[in-house]
Every structure is written in structure tokens, then in C-alpha cells.
Amino acid sequence: MAGDEGRITFGDFRKVEIRVGTIVRAEPFPEARQPAFKLWVDFGEALGVKKTSAQITRHYTLEDVIGRQVAAVVNFPPKQIGRFMSEILVLGFPDEYGEVVMIRPDQTVPDGGRLY
């Protein structure tokens, strides 16, 4: 557990906007330094489709991810990754080898919903 210096307030947590979206497009990202995919995630009417790169090639194929709901931070500033502009951060946990396992709801929920 974090010590007092690592604690945040509920207000701090609310600043991080984590929403659910559905991956609608995925492409290889061969120019990335680490193996990765380019992903387009639909967050519904409120945010629309946002793009990102994700180092998820160990556990997922391009075909596997289409239609999959994921959790993502949507209020980071855009980040240039090579010639690709990443707009969101798809969230995951490391497996025993440090490879990303994406987070998703265990039931289908409306795209754009905010984590609370």
C-alpha cells in the first residue's frame, strides 16, 4: 500500500478521465520501436473516435481486437509517436513477463461511459 506521500485525493482521481470505448480499427505499426498496433477506439457521441498505439502484440492479433471494449485515459495531451499522433492511453496490466493485458468491462456497456 502506498505511504502517505503516495496518496491522492478523490479530486485528483477525478482529474483522470477513464472511459470505455470499442476498438473499431487496428493496423500494424511496423515503424514503432517496440512491436505495436495502431488502434482507433470509438467512445460514442461524446468523444467520437480517438487513436493510439498499443504494445499489445504478445496477446492479441489485429483481428482479435476489433469489436473489443477497452478502458482508456482520454484526457492526456496528444503524444507524437514516430509519424503517428496518439490521443489516448489504452489501459492494461502486465502479465508475468511484463506484456500488456488490456482492461475491459466484463459486460458490454455503452461506449463513452466514465469509470467511477
N, C-alpha and C. Protein backbone atom coordinates (compact mmCIF):
# COMPACT_ATOMS: atom_id res chain seq x y z
N MET A 1 0.84 -1.19 0.00
CA MET A 1 0.00 0.00 0.00
C MET A 1 0.87 1.23 0.00
N ALA A 2 0.43 2.25 -0.68
CA ALA A 2 1.19 3.49 -0.78
C ALA A 2 1.27 4.16 0.59
N GLY A 3 2.42 4.76 0.85
CA GLY A 3 2.56 5.56 2.06
C GLY A 3 1.85 6.88 1.87
N ASP A 4 1.86 7.70 2.92
CA ASP A 4 1.16 8.99 2.85
C ASP A 4 1.62 9.84 1.68
N GLU A 5 2.91 9.76 1.32
CA GLU A 5 3.41 10.58 0.21
C GLU A 5 2.86 10.13 -1.13
N GLY A 6 2.35 8.90 -1.22
CA GLY A 6 1.79 8.39 -2.47
C GLY A 6 0.28 8.52 -2.56
N ARG A 7 -0.34 9.05 -1.54
CA ARG A 7 -1.81 9.15 -1.54
C ARG A 7 -2.27 10.33 -2.39
N ILE A 8 -3.42 10.14 -3.00
CA ILE A 8 -4.04 11.22 -3.75
C ILE A 8 -5.44 11.46 -3.18
N THR A 9 -6.00 12.58 -3.52
CA THR A 9 -7.36 12.86 -3.08
C THR A 9 -8.34 12.34 -4.13
N PHE A 10 -9.61 12.27 -3.75
CA PHE A 10 -10.63 11.88 -4.71
C PHE A 10 -10.67 12.89 -5.86
N GLY A 11 -10.43 14.16 -5.55
CA GLY A 11 -10.37 15.18 -6.59
C GLY A 11 -9.26 14.91 -7.59
N ASP A 12 -8.11 14.42 -7.11
CA ASP A 12 -7.01 14.05 -8.00
C ASP A 12 -7.45 12.93 -8.94
N PHE A 13 -8.11 11.92 -8.37
CA PHE A 13 -8.59 10.79 -9.16
C PHE A 13 -9.57 11.26 -10.24
N ARG A 14 -10.47 12.17 -9.90
CA ARG A 14 -11.47 12.65 -10.84
C ARG A 14 -10.86 13.41 -12.01
N LYS A 15 -9.63 13.90 -11.85
CA LYS A 15 -8.97 14.60 -12.95
C LYS A 15 -8.59 13.65 -14.08
N VAL A 16 -8.38 12.37 -13.75
CA VAL A 16 -8.02 11.37 -14.75
C VAL A 16 -9.32 10.84 -15.34
N GLU A 17 -9.56 11.14 -16.61
CA GLU A 17 -10.81 10.75 -17.27
C GLU A 17 -10.61 9.41 -17.97
N ILE A 18 -11.12 8.35 -17.34
CA ILE A 18 -11.02 6.99 -17.88
C ILE A 18 -12.39 6.62 -18.41
N ARG A 19 -12.43 6.30 -19.70
CA ARG A 19 -13.69 5.97 -20.36
C ARG A 19 -13.58 4.65 -21.10
N VAL A 20 -14.71 4.06 -21.40
CA VAL A 20 -14.77 2.81 -22.15
C VAL A 20 -15.08 3.13 -23.61
N GLY A 21 -14.43 2.39 -24.50
CA GLY A 21 -14.68 2.53 -25.92
C GLY A 21 -14.48 1.19 -26.62
N THR A 22 -14.92 1.13 -27.86
CA THR A 22 -14.80 -0.08 -28.66
C THR A 22 -13.77 0.13 -29.76
N ILE A 23 -12.85 -0.81 -29.88
CA ILE A 23 -11.85 -0.73 -30.96
C ILE A 23 -12.55 -1.01 -32.28
N VAL A 24 -12.48 -0.04 -33.19
CA VAL A 24 -13.17 -0.16 -34.48
C VAL A 24 -12.21 -0.35 -35.65
N ARG A 25 -10.94 -0.12 -35.42
CA ARG A 25 -9.94 -0.26 -36.49
C ARG A 25 -8.60 -0.57 -35.83
N ALA A 26 -7.82 -1.41 -36.48
CA ALA A 26 -6.48 -1.76 -35.99
C ALA A 26 -5.57 -2.02 -37.18
N GLU A 27 -4.35 -1.50 -37.07
CA GLU A 27 -3.36 -1.67 -38.14
C GLU A 27 -2.01 -2.01 -37.53
N PRO A 28 -1.14 -2.65 -38.30
CA PRO A 28 0.23 -2.84 -37.83
C PRO A 28 0.92 -1.48 -37.66
N PHE A 29 1.93 -1.44 -36.81
CA PHE A 29 2.72 -0.22 -36.61
C PHE A 29 4.19 -0.61 -36.71
N PRO A 30 4.64 -0.98 -37.93
CA PRO A 30 5.99 -1.52 -38.10
C PRO A 30 7.10 -0.53 -37.77
N GLU A 31 6.83 0.77 -37.86
CA GLU A 31 7.88 1.75 -37.58
C GLU A 31 8.07 2.04 -36.08
N ALA A 32 7.23 1.45 -35.23
CA ALA A 32 7.37 1.63 -33.78
C ALA A 32 8.64 0.93 -33.29
N ARG A 33 9.26 1.49 -32.25
CA ARG A 33 10.48 0.89 -31.69
C ARG A 33 10.22 -0.48 -31.09
N GLN A 34 9.11 -0.62 -30.40
CA GLN A 34 8.68 -1.90 -29.83
C GLN A 34 7.48 -2.39 -30.64
N PRO A 35 7.28 -3.70 -30.78
CA PRO A 35 6.12 -4.19 -31.54
C PRO A 35 4.82 -3.58 -31.01
N ALA A 36 4.02 -3.04 -31.92
CA ALA A 36 2.80 -2.34 -31.51
C ALA A 36 1.78 -2.36 -32.64
N PHE A 37 0.55 -2.02 -32.28
CA PHE A 37 -0.54 -1.81 -33.22
C PHE A 37 -0.99 -0.37 -33.14
N LYS A 38 -1.53 0.15 -34.24
CA LYS A 38 -2.27 1.40 -34.23
C LYS A 38 -3.73 1.02 -34.00
N LEU A 39 -4.39 1.70 -33.06
CA LEU A 39 -5.79 1.41 -32.74
C LEU A 39 -6.63 2.66 -32.87
N TRP A 40 -7.85 2.50 -33.33
CA TRP A 40 -8.87 3.55 -33.35
C TRP A 40 -9.99 3.06 -32.45
N VAL A 41 -10.32 3.87 -31.43
CA VAL A 41 -11.30 3.47 -30.41
C VAL A 41 -12.48 4.44 -30.45
N ASP A 42 -13.68 3.89 -30.55
CA ASP A 42 -14.91 4.69 -30.61
C ASP A 42 -15.46 4.87 -29.19
N PHE A 43 -15.55 6.13 -28.75
CA PHE A 43 -16.06 6.46 -27.43
C PHE A 43 -17.49 7.02 -27.51
N GLY A 44 -18.17 6.77 -28.58
CA GLY A 44 -19.56 7.21 -28.71
C GLY A 44 -19.67 8.68 -29.09
N GLU A 45 -20.87 9.19 -28.98
CA GLU A 45 -21.17 10.56 -29.43
C GLU A 45 -20.37 11.62 -28.71
N ALA A 46 -20.13 11.44 -27.43
CA ALA A 46 -19.47 12.48 -26.63
C ALA A 46 -18.04 12.77 -27.11
N LEU A 47 -17.28 11.74 -27.45
CA LEU A 47 -15.86 11.92 -27.81
C LEU A 47 -15.53 11.48 -29.22
N GLY A 48 -16.34 10.62 -29.81
CA GLY A 48 -16.04 10.11 -31.14
C GLY A 48 -14.91 9.10 -31.13
N VAL A 49 -14.23 8.97 -32.26
CA VAL A 49 -13.16 8.00 -32.42
C VAL A 49 -11.82 8.68 -32.13
N LYS A 50 -11.02 8.05 -31.28
CA LYS A 50 -9.68 8.53 -30.92
C LYS A 50 -8.68 7.44 -31.28
N LYS A 51 -7.45 7.84 -31.58
CA LYS A 51 -6.44 6.87 -31.99
C LYS A 51 -5.29 6.80 -30.98
N THR A 52 -4.63 5.65 -31.00
CA THR A 52 -3.50 5.42 -30.12
C THR A 52 -2.63 4.31 -30.69
N SER A 53 -1.45 4.16 -30.13
CA SER A 53 -0.65 2.98 -30.41
C SER A 53 -0.60 2.17 -29.13
N ALA A 54 -0.50 0.86 -29.28
CA ALA A 54 -0.50 -0.01 -28.10
C ALA A 54 0.44 -1.18 -28.32
N GLN A 55 1.28 -1.43 -27.34
CA GLN A 55 2.22 -2.56 -27.40
C GLN A 55 1.52 -3.80 -26.85
N ILE A 56 0.63 -4.34 -27.65
CA ILE A 56 -0.21 -5.46 -27.22
C ILE A 56 -0.06 -6.68 -28.11
N THR A 57 1.02 -6.75 -28.89
CA THR A 57 1.16 -7.79 -29.90
C THR A 57 1.42 -9.18 -29.33
N ARG A 58 1.80 -9.29 -28.08
CA ARG A 58 2.07 -10.60 -27.48
C ARG A 58 0.79 -11.41 -27.29
N HIS A 59 -0.28 -10.75 -26.86
CA HIS A 59 -1.51 -11.46 -26.52
C HIS A 59 -2.65 -11.27 -27.52
N TYR A 60 -2.49 -10.36 -28.48
CA TYR A 60 -3.61 -10.01 -29.36
C TYR A 60 -3.15 -9.98 -30.81
N THR A 61 -4.09 -10.30 -31.71
CA THR A 61 -3.87 -10.11 -33.14
C THR A 61 -4.75 -8.93 -33.58
N LEU A 62 -4.49 -8.42 -34.76
CA LEU A 62 -5.32 -7.33 -35.29
C LEU A 62 -6.79 -7.75 -35.34
N GLU A 63 -7.03 -8.98 -35.73
CA GLU A 63 -8.41 -9.47 -35.84
C GLU A 63 -9.06 -9.60 -34.46
N ASP A 64 -8.28 -9.99 -33.44
CA ASP A 64 -8.81 -10.18 -32.08
C ASP A 64 -9.35 -8.90 -31.48
N VAL A 65 -8.72 -7.78 -31.77
CA VAL A 65 -9.05 -6.55 -31.05
C VAL A 65 -10.25 -5.81 -31.61
N ILE A 66 -10.58 -6.04 -32.88
CA ILE A 66 -11.73 -5.34 -33.48
C ILE A 66 -13.01 -5.75 -32.73
N GLY A 67 -13.76 -4.75 -32.29
CA GLY A 67 -15.00 -5.00 -31.57
C GLY A 67 -14.83 -5.17 -30.07
N ARG A 68 -13.61 -5.14 -29.59
CA ARG A 68 -13.33 -5.32 -28.18
C ARG A 68 -13.47 -4.00 -27.44
N GLN A 69 -14.16 -4.01 -26.31
CA GLN A 69 -14.23 -2.82 -25.48
C GLN A 69 -12.98 -2.75 -24.61
N VAL A 70 -12.50 -1.52 -24.40
CA VAL A 70 -11.30 -1.29 -23.60
C VAL A 70 -11.50 -0.05 -22.73
N ALA A 71 -10.70 0.05 -21.68
CA ALA A 71 -10.66 1.25 -20.85
C ALA A 71 -9.47 2.08 -21.29
N ALA A 72 -9.64 3.41 -21.31
CA ALA A 72 -8.56 4.29 -21.75
C ALA A 72 -8.64 5.65 -21.05
N VAL A 73 -7.46 6.23 -20.82
CA VAL A 73 -7.40 7.61 -20.36
C VAL A 73 -7.57 8.48 -21.59
N VAL A 74 -8.55 9.39 -21.54
CA VAL A 74 -8.86 10.19 -22.73
C VAL A 74 -8.49 11.66 -22.58
N ASN A 75 -7.94 12.07 -21.44
CA ASN A 75 -7.63 13.50 -21.26
C ASN A 75 -6.15 13.80 -21.09
N PHE A 76 -5.28 12.91 -21.57
CA PHE A 76 -3.87 13.26 -21.70
C PHE A 76 -3.70 14.11 -22.95
N PRO A 77 -2.68 14.97 -23.00
CA PRO A 77 -2.43 15.68 -24.25
C PRO A 77 -1.96 14.69 -25.33
N PRO A 78 -2.23 14.98 -26.60
CA PRO A 78 -1.75 14.09 -27.67
C PRO A 78 -0.23 13.94 -27.60
N LYS A 79 0.24 12.76 -28.01
CA LYS A 79 1.67 12.45 -27.96
C LYS A 79 2.11 11.92 -29.32
N GLN A 80 3.15 12.53 -29.87
CA GLN A 80 3.70 12.10 -31.16
C GLN A 80 4.53 10.84 -30.94
N ILE A 81 4.21 9.77 -31.66
CA ILE A 81 4.97 8.52 -31.61
C ILE A 81 5.38 8.23 -33.04
N GLY A 82 6.62 8.57 -33.37
CA GLY A 82 7.05 8.48 -34.76
C GLY A 82 6.24 9.45 -35.59
N ARG A 83 5.64 8.95 -36.66
CA ARG A 83 4.78 9.79 -37.50
C ARG A 83 3.30 9.64 -37.15
N PHE A 84 3.03 9.06 -36.00
CA PHE A 84 1.66 8.79 -35.58
C PHE A 84 1.34 9.59 -34.32
N MET A 85 0.18 10.23 -34.29
CA MET A 85 -0.22 11.03 -33.13
C MET A 85 -1.18 10.21 -32.26
N SER A 86 -0.74 9.90 -31.05
CA SER A 86 -1.56 9.15 -30.10
C SER A 86 -2.39 10.12 -29.28
N GLU A 87 -3.70 9.86 -29.18
CA GLU A 87 -4.62 10.76 -28.49
C GLU A 87 -5.11 10.24 -27.15
N ILE A 88 -4.97 8.94 -26.91
CA ILE A 88 -5.46 8.32 -25.68
C ILE A 88 -4.44 7.29 -25.18
N LEU A 89 -4.68 6.77 -23.99
CA LEU A 89 -3.84 5.70 -23.44
C LEU A 89 -4.74 4.54 -23.06
N VAL A 90 -4.66 3.45 -23.82
CA VAL A 90 -5.41 2.24 -23.50
C VAL A 90 -4.75 1.61 -22.29
N LEU A 91 -5.55 1.18 -21.32
CA LEU A 91 -5.04 0.68 -20.05
C LEU A 91 -4.93 -0.83 -20.02
N GLY A 92 -3.93 -1.32 -19.29
CA GLY A 92 -3.74 -2.75 -19.12
C GLY A 92 -2.86 -3.04 -17.93
N PHE A 93 -2.75 -4.31 -17.63
CA PHE A 93 -1.88 -4.79 -16.56
C PHE A 93 -0.81 -5.68 -17.17
N PRO A 94 0.38 -5.75 -16.55
CA PRO A 94 1.41 -6.64 -17.07
C PRO A 94 1.14 -8.09 -16.67
N ASP A 95 1.42 -9.01 -17.61
CA ASP A 95 1.39 -10.42 -17.25
C ASP A 95 2.71 -10.77 -16.55
N GLU A 96 2.95 -12.03 -16.33
CA GLU A 96 4.17 -12.44 -15.61
C GLU A 96 5.46 -12.11 -16.36
N TYR A 97 5.36 -11.78 -17.66
CA TYR A 97 6.53 -11.43 -18.47
C TYR A 97 6.60 -9.93 -18.77
N GLY A 98 5.67 -9.16 -18.20
CA GLY A 98 5.65 -7.72 -18.44
C GLY A 98 4.91 -7.33 -19.70
N GLU A 99 4.20 -8.26 -20.32
CA GLU A 99 3.44 -7.98 -21.53
C GLU A 99 2.04 -7.49 -21.17
N VAL A 100 1.49 -6.58 -21.97
CA VAL A 100 0.23 -5.93 -21.65
C VAL A 100 -0.98 -6.84 -21.87
N VAL A 101 -1.84 -6.87 -20.84
CA VAL A 101 -3.16 -7.49 -20.91
C VAL A 101 -4.15 -6.35 -20.73
N MET A 102 -4.93 -6.05 -21.77
CA MET A 102 -5.82 -4.89 -21.74
C MET A 102 -6.96 -5.07 -20.74
N ILE A 103 -7.40 -3.95 -20.17
CA ILE A 103 -8.54 -3.91 -19.26
C ILE A 103 -9.82 -3.74 -20.08
N ARG A 104 -10.85 -4.48 -19.70
CA ARG A 104 -12.16 -4.31 -20.34
C ARG A 104 -13.25 -4.66 -19.34
N PRO A 105 -14.45 -4.10 -19.54
CA PRO A 105 -15.55 -4.47 -18.65
C PRO A 105 -15.94 -5.92 -18.88
N ASP A 106 -16.48 -6.57 -17.85
CA ASP A 106 -16.88 -7.97 -18.02
C ASP A 106 -18.28 -8.12 -18.60
N GLN A 107 -18.94 -6.98 -18.86
CA GLN A 107 -20.19 -6.95 -19.59
C GLN A 107 -20.12 -5.79 -20.58
N THR A 108 -20.86 -5.88 -21.68
CA THR A 108 -20.89 -4.78 -22.64
C THR A 108 -21.60 -3.60 -22.00
N VAL A 109 -20.98 -2.44 -22.11
CA VAL A 109 -21.54 -1.19 -21.57
C VAL A 109 -21.54 -0.15 -22.68
N PRO A 110 -22.32 0.93 -22.55
CA PRO A 110 -22.33 1.94 -23.60
C PRO A 110 -20.95 2.62 -23.75
N ASP A 111 -20.50 2.76 -24.98
CA ASP A 111 -19.24 3.44 -25.25
C ASP A 111 -19.30 4.88 -24.73
N GLY A 112 -18.19 5.32 -24.18
CA GLY A 112 -18.09 6.68 -23.65
C GLY A 112 -18.31 6.75 -22.16
N GLY A 113 -18.80 5.67 -21.54
CA GLY A 113 -19.04 5.68 -20.10
C GLY A 113 -17.76 5.95 -19.33
N ARG A 114 -17.88 6.73 -18.26
CA ARG A 114 -16.72 7.11 -17.46
C ARG A 114 -16.58 6.20 -16.24
N LEU A 115 -15.36 5.80 -15.96
CA LEU A 115 -15.05 4.98 -14.79
C LEU A 115 -15.34 5.75 -13.52
N TYR A 116 -15.98 5.09 -12.58
CA TYR A 116 -16.18 5.65 -11.24
C TYR A 116 -16.19 4.54 -10.23
